[in-house]
N, C-alpha and C. Protein backbone atom coordinates (compact mmCIF):
# COMPACT_ATOMS: atom_id res chain seq x y z
N UNK A 1 0.85 -1.16 0.00
CA UNK A 1 0.00 0.00 0.00
C UNK A 1 0.90 1.24 0.00
N UNK A 2 0.88 1.97 -1.09
CA UNK A 2 1.73 3.15 -1.23
C UNK A 2 0.98 4.45 -1.01
N UNK A 3 -0.30 4.44 -1.39
CA UNK A 3 -1.12 5.64 -1.19
C UNK A 3 -2.46 5.23 -0.59
N UNK A 4 -3.10 6.20 0.02
CA UNK A 4 -4.43 6.00 0.56
C UNK A 4 -5.21 7.27 0.25
N UNK A 5 -6.25 7.12 -0.54
CA UNK A 5 -7.09 8.24 -0.92
C UNK A 5 -6.26 9.38 -1.54
N UNK A 6 -5.24 8.98 -2.29
CA UNK A 6 -4.40 9.96 -2.98
C UNK A 6 -3.24 10.50 -2.16
N UNK A 7 -3.18 10.20 -0.88
CA UNK A 7 -2.08 10.66 -0.04
C UNK A 7 -1.07 9.54 0.16
N UNK A 8 0.20 9.88 0.29
CA UNK A 8 1.19 8.84 0.59
C UNK A 8 0.83 8.13 1.91
N UNK A 9 0.84 6.82 1.89
CA UNK A 9 0.46 6.04 3.07
C UNK A 9 1.36 6.35 4.26
N UNK A 10 2.61 6.67 3.99
CA UNK A 10 3.55 6.95 5.08
C UNK A 10 3.06 8.13 5.93
N UNK A 11 2.52 9.11 5.29
CA UNK A 11 2.03 10.30 6.00
C UNK A 11 0.91 9.93 6.96
N UNK A 12 0.06 9.01 6.57
CA UNK A 12 -1.05 8.58 7.43
C UNK A 12 -0.59 7.58 8.49
N UNK A 13 0.22 6.60 8.07
CA UNK A 13 0.64 5.56 9.00
C UNK A 13 1.52 6.09 10.13
N UNK A 14 2.34 7.10 9.82
CA UNK A 14 3.22 7.58 10.89
C UNK A 14 2.43 8.18 12.05
N UNK A 15 1.22 8.65 11.79
CA UNK A 15 0.40 9.16 12.88
C UNK A 15 -0.01 8.04 13.84
N UNK A 16 -0.26 6.86 13.30
CA UNK A 16 -0.56 5.72 14.18
C UNK A 16 0.64 5.40 15.07
N UNK A 17 1.83 5.40 14.49
CA UNK A 17 3.04 5.07 15.25
C UNK A 17 3.30 6.13 16.31
N UNK A 18 3.12 7.39 15.95
CA UNK A 18 3.38 8.49 16.88
C UNK A 18 2.42 8.43 18.07
N UNK A 19 1.24 7.89 17.88
CA UNK A 19 0.27 7.76 18.98
C UNK A 19 0.43 6.42 19.68
N UNK A 20 0.46 5.32 18.93
CA UNK A 20 0.48 3.99 19.54
C UNK A 20 1.77 3.69 20.30
N UNK A 21 2.91 4.09 19.75
CA UNK A 21 4.18 3.81 20.43
C UNK A 21 4.23 4.41 21.82
N UNK A 22 4.08 5.73 21.94
CA UNK A 22 4.11 6.34 23.27
C UNK A 22 2.97 5.89 24.18
N UNK A 23 1.77 5.72 23.64
CA UNK A 23 0.65 5.26 24.47
C UNK A 23 0.96 3.88 25.04
N UNK A 24 1.42 2.99 24.21
CA UNK A 24 1.76 1.64 24.66
C UNK A 24 2.87 1.69 25.70
N UNK A 25 3.88 2.51 25.45
CA UNK A 25 5.01 2.62 26.38
C UNK A 25 4.56 3.12 27.75
N UNK A 26 3.74 4.15 27.76
CA UNK A 26 3.27 4.71 29.04
C UNK A 26 2.40 3.71 29.79
N UNK A 27 1.50 3.04 29.06
CA UNK A 27 0.66 2.04 29.72
C UNK A 27 1.48 0.84 30.20
N UNK A 28 2.51 0.48 29.46
CA UNK A 28 3.39 -0.63 29.88
C UNK A 28 4.11 -0.28 31.18
N UNK A 29 4.58 0.96 31.29
CA UNK A 29 5.24 1.39 32.52
C UNK A 29 4.25 1.31 33.69
N UNK A 30 3.03 1.80 33.47
CA UNK A 30 2.02 1.72 34.53
C UNK A 30 1.74 0.28 34.93
N UNK A 31 1.63 -0.61 33.95
CA UNK A 31 1.39 -2.03 34.24
C UNK A 31 2.56 -2.66 34.99
N UNK A 32 3.76 -2.24 34.66
CA UNK A 32 4.94 -2.79 35.33
C UNK A 32 5.03 -2.35 36.78
N UNK A 33 4.57 -1.15 37.06
CA UNK A 33 4.73 -0.58 38.41
C UNK A 33 3.51 -0.72 39.30
N UNK A 34 2.34 -0.88 38.70
CA UNK A 34 1.09 -0.81 39.47
C UNK A 34 0.24 -2.05 39.18
N UNK A 35 0.23 -3.02 40.08
CA UNK A 35 -0.50 -4.28 39.85
C UNK A 35 -1.99 -4.09 39.54
N UNK A 36 -2.63 -3.11 40.15
CA UNK A 36 -4.06 -2.89 39.88
C UNK A 36 -4.28 -2.48 38.43
N UNK A 37 -3.39 -1.66 37.90
CA UNK A 37 -3.48 -1.27 36.48
C UNK A 37 -3.19 -2.48 35.60
N UNK A 38 -2.20 -3.28 36.00
CA UNK A 38 -1.85 -4.47 35.23
C UNK A 38 -3.04 -5.41 35.12
N UNK A 39 -3.76 -5.62 36.20
CA UNK A 39 -4.91 -6.51 36.16
C UNK A 39 -5.96 -6.04 35.15
N UNK A 40 -6.11 -4.74 35.02
CA UNK A 40 -7.13 -4.20 34.12
C UNK A 40 -6.66 -4.00 32.69
N UNK A 41 -5.37 -3.69 32.50
CA UNK A 41 -4.93 -3.24 31.18
C UNK A 41 -3.88 -4.10 30.48
N UNK A 42 -3.37 -5.13 31.11
CA UNK A 42 -2.26 -5.87 30.50
C UNK A 42 -2.60 -6.41 29.11
N UNK A 43 -3.82 -6.89 28.92
CA UNK A 43 -4.17 -7.47 27.61
C UNK A 43 -4.32 -6.38 26.56
N UNK A 44 -4.84 -5.24 26.95
CA UNK A 44 -4.90 -4.10 26.03
C UNK A 44 -3.49 -3.66 25.64
N UNK A 45 -2.61 -3.56 26.61
CA UNK A 45 -1.22 -3.15 26.34
C UNK A 45 -0.55 -4.16 25.41
N UNK A 46 -0.81 -5.43 25.63
CA UNK A 46 -0.24 -6.46 24.76
C UNK A 46 -0.75 -6.29 23.32
N UNK A 47 -2.03 -6.03 23.15
CA UNK A 47 -2.59 -5.81 21.81
C UNK A 47 -2.03 -4.54 21.17
N UNK A 48 -1.89 -3.48 21.95
CA UNK A 48 -1.32 -2.23 21.42
C UNK A 48 0.13 -2.44 20.99
N UNK A 49 0.88 -3.17 21.79
CA UNK A 49 2.28 -3.44 21.44
C UNK A 49 2.37 -4.27 20.16
N UNK A 50 1.50 -5.25 20.03
CA UNK A 50 1.48 -6.07 18.82
C UNK A 50 1.08 -5.22 17.61
N UNK A 51 0.08 -4.38 17.77
CA UNK A 51 -0.34 -3.50 16.68
C UNK A 51 0.78 -2.56 16.25
N UNK A 52 1.53 -2.05 17.21
CA UNK A 52 2.64 -1.16 16.90
C UNK A 52 3.73 -1.90 16.13
N UNK A 53 4.00 -3.14 16.53
CA UNK A 53 5.00 -3.94 15.82
C UNK A 53 4.55 -4.25 14.39
N UNK A 54 3.27 -4.47 14.19
CA UNK A 54 2.76 -4.73 12.84
C UNK A 54 2.80 -3.47 11.98
N UNK A 55 2.41 -2.35 12.55
CA UNK A 55 2.34 -1.10 11.77
C UNK A 55 3.70 -0.47 11.48
N UNK A 56 4.68 -0.72 12.32
CA UNK A 56 5.99 -0.08 12.13
C UNK A 56 6.65 -0.44 10.80
N UNK A 57 6.77 -1.73 10.43
CA UNK A 57 7.38 -2.01 9.13
C UNK A 57 6.52 -1.55 7.95
N UNK A 58 5.21 -1.53 8.12
CA UNK A 58 4.35 -1.00 7.06
C UNK A 58 4.64 0.48 6.84
N UNK A 59 4.81 1.19 7.93
CA UNK A 59 5.13 2.62 7.86
C UNK A 59 6.50 2.84 7.24
N UNK A 60 7.46 2.03 7.63
CA UNK A 60 8.82 2.13 7.08
C UNK A 60 8.82 1.84 5.59
N UNK A 61 8.12 0.80 5.18
CA UNK A 61 8.05 0.45 3.76
C UNK A 61 7.39 1.57 2.96
N UNK A 62 6.32 2.13 3.50
CA UNK A 62 5.66 3.25 2.83
C UNK A 62 6.59 4.45 2.77
N UNK A 63 7.43 4.63 3.77
CA UNK A 63 8.39 5.72 3.77
C UNK A 63 9.46 5.54 2.72
N UNK A 64 9.91 4.31 2.52
CA UNK A 64 10.89 4.02 1.46
C UNK A 64 10.28 4.34 0.10
N UNK A 65 9.03 3.94 -0.07
CA UNK A 65 8.33 4.24 -1.33
C UNK A 65 8.26 5.75 -1.55
N UNK A 66 7.88 6.49 -0.51
CA UNK A 66 7.76 7.94 -0.62
C UNK A 66 9.11 8.59 -0.88
N UNK A 67 10.13 8.13 -0.20
CA UNK A 67 11.47 8.69 -0.37
C UNK A 67 11.97 8.57 -1.79
N UNK A 68 11.63 7.47 -2.44
CA UNK A 68 12.06 7.26 -3.83
C UNK A 68 11.37 8.22 -4.78
N UNK A 69 10.30 8.88 -4.33
CA UNK A 69 9.53 9.75 -5.20
C UNK A 69 9.69 11.24 -4.89
N UNK A 70 10.42 11.59 -3.85
CA UNK A 70 10.52 13.00 -3.49
C UNK A 70 11.79 13.67 -4.03
N UNK A 71 12.59 12.93 -4.72
CA UNK A 71 13.79 13.54 -5.29
C UNK A 71 15.03 13.07 -4.56
N UNK A 72 16.11 13.82 -4.73
CA UNK A 72 17.38 13.38 -4.13
C UNK A 72 17.29 13.36 -2.60
N UNK A 73 17.97 12.40 -2.01
CA UNK A 73 17.98 12.25 -0.57
C UNK A 73 18.91 13.28 0.05
N UNK A 74 18.37 14.06 0.96
CA UNK A 74 19.15 15.05 1.68
C UNK A 74 19.73 14.41 2.94
N UNK A 75 20.72 15.02 3.56
CA UNK A 75 21.24 14.47 4.82
C UNK A 75 20.17 14.37 5.91
N UNK A 76 19.26 15.32 5.95
CA UNK A 76 18.19 15.29 6.96
C UNK A 76 17.26 14.11 6.69
N UNK A 77 16.92 13.87 5.43
CA UNK A 77 16.06 12.75 5.09
C UNK A 77 16.78 11.42 5.34
N UNK A 78 18.06 11.36 5.01
CA UNK A 78 18.84 10.14 5.27
C UNK A 78 18.88 9.83 6.76
N UNK A 79 19.00 10.86 7.60
CA UNK A 79 18.98 10.67 9.04
C UNK A 79 17.63 10.12 9.49
N UNK A 80 16.55 10.66 8.95
CA UNK A 80 15.21 10.16 9.28
C UNK A 80 15.05 8.70 8.87
N UNK A 81 15.52 8.36 7.69
CA UNK A 81 15.43 6.97 7.22
C UNK A 81 16.22 6.03 8.12
N UNK A 82 17.41 6.44 8.53
CA UNK A 82 18.22 5.60 9.41
C UNK A 82 17.56 5.41 10.77
N UNK A 83 17.05 6.49 11.33
CA UNK A 83 16.36 6.39 12.62
C UNK A 83 15.09 5.54 12.50
N UNK A 84 14.34 5.77 11.42
CA UNK A 84 13.11 5.01 11.21
C UNK A 84 13.35 3.52 11.08
N UNK A 85 14.47 3.15 10.48
CA UNK A 85 14.79 1.72 10.31
C UNK A 85 15.07 1.04 11.64
N UNK A 86 15.44 1.80 12.67
CA UNK A 86 15.73 1.19 13.97
C UNK A 86 14.49 1.01 14.84
N UNK A 87 13.42 1.70 14.50
CA UNK A 87 12.25 1.71 15.37
C UNK A 87 11.63 0.32 15.53
N UNK A 88 11.68 -0.51 14.51
CA UNK A 88 11.10 -1.86 14.63
C UNK A 88 11.77 -2.66 15.75
N UNK A 89 13.07 -2.49 15.91
CA UNK A 89 13.77 -3.23 16.97
C UNK A 89 13.35 -2.74 18.35
N UNK A 90 13.12 -1.47 18.47
CA UNK A 90 12.73 -0.88 19.74
C UNK A 90 11.32 -1.33 20.12
N UNK A 91 10.39 -1.25 19.18
CA UNK A 91 9.01 -1.65 19.51
C UNK A 91 8.91 -3.17 19.67
N UNK A 92 9.76 -3.92 18.98
CA UNK A 92 9.78 -5.37 19.19
C UNK A 92 10.27 -5.71 20.60
N UNK A 93 11.25 -4.96 21.08
CA UNK A 93 11.71 -5.16 22.46
C UNK A 93 10.60 -4.83 23.45
N UNK A 94 9.85 -3.78 23.17
CA UNK A 94 8.71 -3.44 24.04
C UNK A 94 7.69 -4.58 24.04
N UNK A 95 7.36 -5.09 22.86
CA UNK A 95 6.42 -6.21 22.79
C UNK A 95 6.94 -7.41 23.57
N UNK A 96 8.21 -7.74 23.41
CA UNK A 96 8.78 -8.90 24.11
C UNK A 96 8.69 -8.73 25.62
N UNK A 97 9.00 -7.54 26.11
CA UNK A 97 8.94 -7.34 27.56
C UNK A 97 7.51 -7.34 28.07
N UNK A 98 6.58 -6.84 27.28
CA UNK A 98 5.17 -6.87 27.67
C UNK A 98 4.67 -8.32 27.69
N UNK A 99 5.13 -9.14 26.77
CA UNK A 99 4.77 -10.56 26.79
C UNK A 99 5.25 -11.21 28.08
N UNK A 100 6.47 -10.92 28.48
CA UNK A 100 7.00 -11.48 29.73
C UNK A 100 6.19 -10.96 30.92
N UNK A 101 5.86 -9.68 30.90
CA UNK A 101 5.04 -9.12 31.97
C UNK A 101 3.67 -9.80 32.03
N UNK A 102 3.09 -10.07 30.87
CA UNK A 102 1.80 -10.77 30.83
C UNK A 102 1.94 -12.19 31.38
N UNK A 103 3.05 -12.84 31.09
CA UNK A 103 3.29 -14.19 31.62
C UNK A 103 3.39 -14.15 33.15
N UNK A 104 4.07 -13.15 33.67
CA UNK A 104 4.16 -12.99 35.13
C UNK A 104 2.76 -12.75 35.70
N UNK A 105 1.99 -11.93 35.02
CA UNK A 105 0.62 -11.63 35.46
C UNK A 105 -0.22 -12.91 35.51
N UNK A 106 -0.16 -13.71 34.46
CA UNK A 106 -0.94 -14.96 34.41
C UNK A 106 -0.51 -15.88 35.54
N UNK A 107 0.78 -15.98 35.74
CA UNK A 107 1.29 -16.85 36.81
C UNK A 107 0.74 -16.38 38.18
N UNK A 108 0.76 -15.09 38.41
CA UNK A 108 0.25 -14.57 39.69
C UNK A 108 -1.25 -14.76 39.81
N UNK A 109 -1.98 -14.56 38.72
CA UNK A 109 -3.43 -14.72 38.75
C UNK A 109 -3.83 -16.17 39.02
N UNK A 110 -2.99 -17.09 38.66
CA UNK A 110 -3.26 -18.51 38.91
C UNK A 110 -2.81 -18.94 40.30
N UNK A 111 -2.36 -17.99 41.10
CA UNK A 111 -1.99 -18.29 42.48
C UNK A 111 -0.58 -18.80 42.65
N UNK A 112 0.21 -18.77 41.62
CA UNK A 112 1.60 -19.21 41.74
C UNK A 112 2.46 -18.05 42.20
N UNK A 113 3.49 -18.37 42.92
CA UNK A 113 4.35 -17.31 43.42
C UNK A 113 5.36 -16.88 42.36
N UNK A 114 5.62 -15.62 42.38
CA UNK A 114 6.65 -15.04 41.52
C UNK A 114 7.55 -14.23 42.46
N UNK A 115 8.82 -14.55 42.44
CA UNK A 115 9.73 -13.88 43.37
C UNK A 115 9.77 -12.38 43.10
N UNK A 116 10.04 -11.66 44.15
CA UNK A 116 10.14 -10.20 44.03
C UNK A 116 11.30 -9.82 43.11
N UNK A 117 12.33 -10.64 43.09
CA UNK A 117 13.47 -10.38 42.21
C UNK A 117 13.04 -10.47 40.76
N UNK A 118 12.31 -11.51 40.42
CA UNK A 118 11.83 -11.66 39.05
C UNK A 118 10.89 -10.51 38.68
N UNK A 119 10.00 -10.15 39.58
CA UNK A 119 9.09 -9.03 39.32
C UNK A 119 9.87 -7.75 39.06
N UNK A 120 10.92 -7.52 39.85
CA UNK A 120 11.73 -6.30 39.70
C UNK A 120 12.49 -6.31 38.37
N UNK A 121 13.05 -7.46 38.01
CA UNK A 121 13.80 -7.55 36.75
C UNK A 121 12.87 -7.30 35.57
N UNK A 122 11.70 -7.92 35.60
CA UNK A 122 10.74 -7.72 34.51
C UNK A 122 10.30 -6.26 34.44
N UNK A 123 10.04 -5.66 35.59
CA UNK A 123 9.63 -4.25 35.61
C UNK A 123 10.72 -3.36 35.03
N UNK A 124 11.96 -3.61 35.40
CA UNK A 124 13.08 -2.81 34.87
C UNK A 124 13.19 -2.98 33.36
N UNK A 125 13.04 -4.20 32.87
CA UNK A 125 13.12 -4.44 31.43
C UNK A 125 11.98 -3.75 30.68
N UNK A 126 10.78 -3.83 31.23
CA UNK A 126 9.63 -3.16 30.60
C UNK A 126 9.85 -1.65 30.57
N UNK A 127 10.29 -1.10 31.69
CA UNK A 127 10.51 0.35 31.76
C UNK A 127 11.62 0.77 30.80
N UNK A 128 12.68 -0.01 30.73
CA UNK A 128 13.78 0.33 29.80
C UNK A 128 13.30 0.30 28.35
N UNK A 129 12.55 -0.73 27.99
CA UNK A 129 12.03 -0.81 26.62
C UNK A 129 11.02 0.30 26.34
N UNK A 130 10.21 0.64 27.33
CA UNK A 130 9.21 1.69 27.16
C UNK A 130 9.87 3.06 27.00
N UNK A 131 10.84 3.35 27.83
CA UNK A 131 11.53 4.65 27.73
C UNK A 131 12.27 4.74 26.39
N UNK A 132 12.90 3.65 25.98
CA UNK A 132 13.58 3.63 24.69
C UNK A 132 12.57 3.87 23.56
N UNK A 133 11.40 3.28 23.67
CA UNK A 133 10.36 3.50 22.66
C UNK A 133 9.94 4.96 22.62
N UNK A 134 9.74 5.56 23.78
CA UNK A 134 9.37 6.97 23.84
C UNK A 134 10.44 7.86 23.18
N UNK A 135 11.69 7.62 23.53
CA UNK A 135 12.78 8.44 23.02
C UNK A 135 12.94 8.23 21.51
N UNK A 136 12.95 6.98 21.08
CA UNK A 136 13.18 6.72 19.66
C UNK A 136 12.01 7.18 18.80
N UNK A 137 10.80 7.05 19.29
CA UNK A 137 9.65 7.55 18.55
C UNK A 137 9.75 9.06 18.38
N UNK A 138 10.15 9.74 19.43
CA UNK A 138 10.35 11.18 19.33
C UNK A 138 11.44 11.51 18.30
N UNK A 139 12.56 10.82 18.38
CA UNK A 139 13.68 11.10 17.47
C UNK A 139 13.29 10.88 16.02
N UNK A 140 12.59 9.78 15.75
CA UNK A 140 12.15 9.50 14.37
C UNK A 140 11.16 10.56 13.91
N UNK A 141 10.18 10.86 14.75
CA UNK A 141 9.18 11.86 14.39
C UNK A 141 9.77 13.24 14.18
N UNK A 142 10.66 13.63 15.06
CA UNK A 142 11.30 14.94 14.94
C UNK A 142 12.14 15.01 13.66
N UNK A 143 12.90 13.97 13.38
CA UNK A 143 13.72 13.99 12.16
C UNK A 143 12.84 13.98 10.91
N UNK A 144 11.70 13.31 10.98
CA UNK A 144 10.77 13.31 9.85
C UNK A 144 10.14 14.68 9.63
N UNK A 145 9.79 15.34 10.72
CA UNK A 145 9.23 16.68 10.61
C UNK A 145 10.27 17.65 10.04
N UNK A 146 11.51 17.50 10.48
CA UNK A 146 12.58 18.36 9.95
C UNK A 146 12.84 18.07 8.47
N UNK A 147 12.75 16.79 8.10
CA UNK A 147 12.94 16.43 6.69
C UNK A 147 11.84 17.00 5.83
N UNK A 148 10.62 17.00 6.35
CA UNK A 148 9.48 17.50 5.58
C UNK A 148 9.38 19.02 5.58
N UNK A 149 9.65 19.63 6.73
CA UNK A 149 9.38 21.05 6.89
C UNK A 149 10.63 21.91 7.04
N UNK A 150 11.78 21.31 7.23
CA UNK A 150 12.99 22.10 7.42
C UNK A 150 12.96 22.82 8.73
N UNK A 151 13.51 23.98 8.76
CA UNK A 151 13.55 24.78 9.99
C UNK A 151 12.52 25.91 9.93
N UNK A 152 11.29 25.57 9.60
CA UNK A 152 10.23 26.58 9.55
C UNK A 152 9.99 27.09 10.97
N UNK A 153 10.17 28.39 11.17
CA UNK A 153 9.98 28.95 12.51
C UNK A 153 8.88 29.99 12.56
N UNK A 154 8.30 30.29 11.43
CA UNK A 154 7.27 31.32 11.40
C UNK A 154 6.09 30.82 10.58
N UNK A 155 4.91 31.27 10.96
CA UNK A 155 3.73 30.91 10.16
C UNK A 155 3.48 31.93 9.07
N UNK A 156 4.29 32.97 9.02
CA UNK A 156 4.11 33.99 7.99
C UNK A 156 4.51 33.44 6.62
N UNK A 157 3.81 33.82 5.56
CA UNK A 157 4.15 33.31 4.21
C UNK A 157 5.47 33.86 3.71
């Protein structure tokens, strides 16, 4: 899918990533730190993380298609492409840690004990992946905005 309703698909898909990545990351941190939130939201967070992992390569592929059509690659655009290519690894790490957190949740819900050490390690891993997702999503989005808009500082024509 290269276009949607005449617009480049990358332009539309990146909005999903910009919302889903940080939303998933923030909810994952809450689930890691707050058991009451985990009981209510862990399955939603797992679905959001999976959706983000599915949409990220689609967005990247649509971006490659768009880049081939906008003319010569500038250093700013090349930076955006490089950063964008790394995002799949970051969101995949978030998904993996959320899966482990869900496994810990299931184990606890079934009445099995989970050591405090394991809970702490899983929480640290989830938080690390979530913070990395937040930072990298910002970096990719910021570099994309700079590639598209340059250093526009005024709304005056």
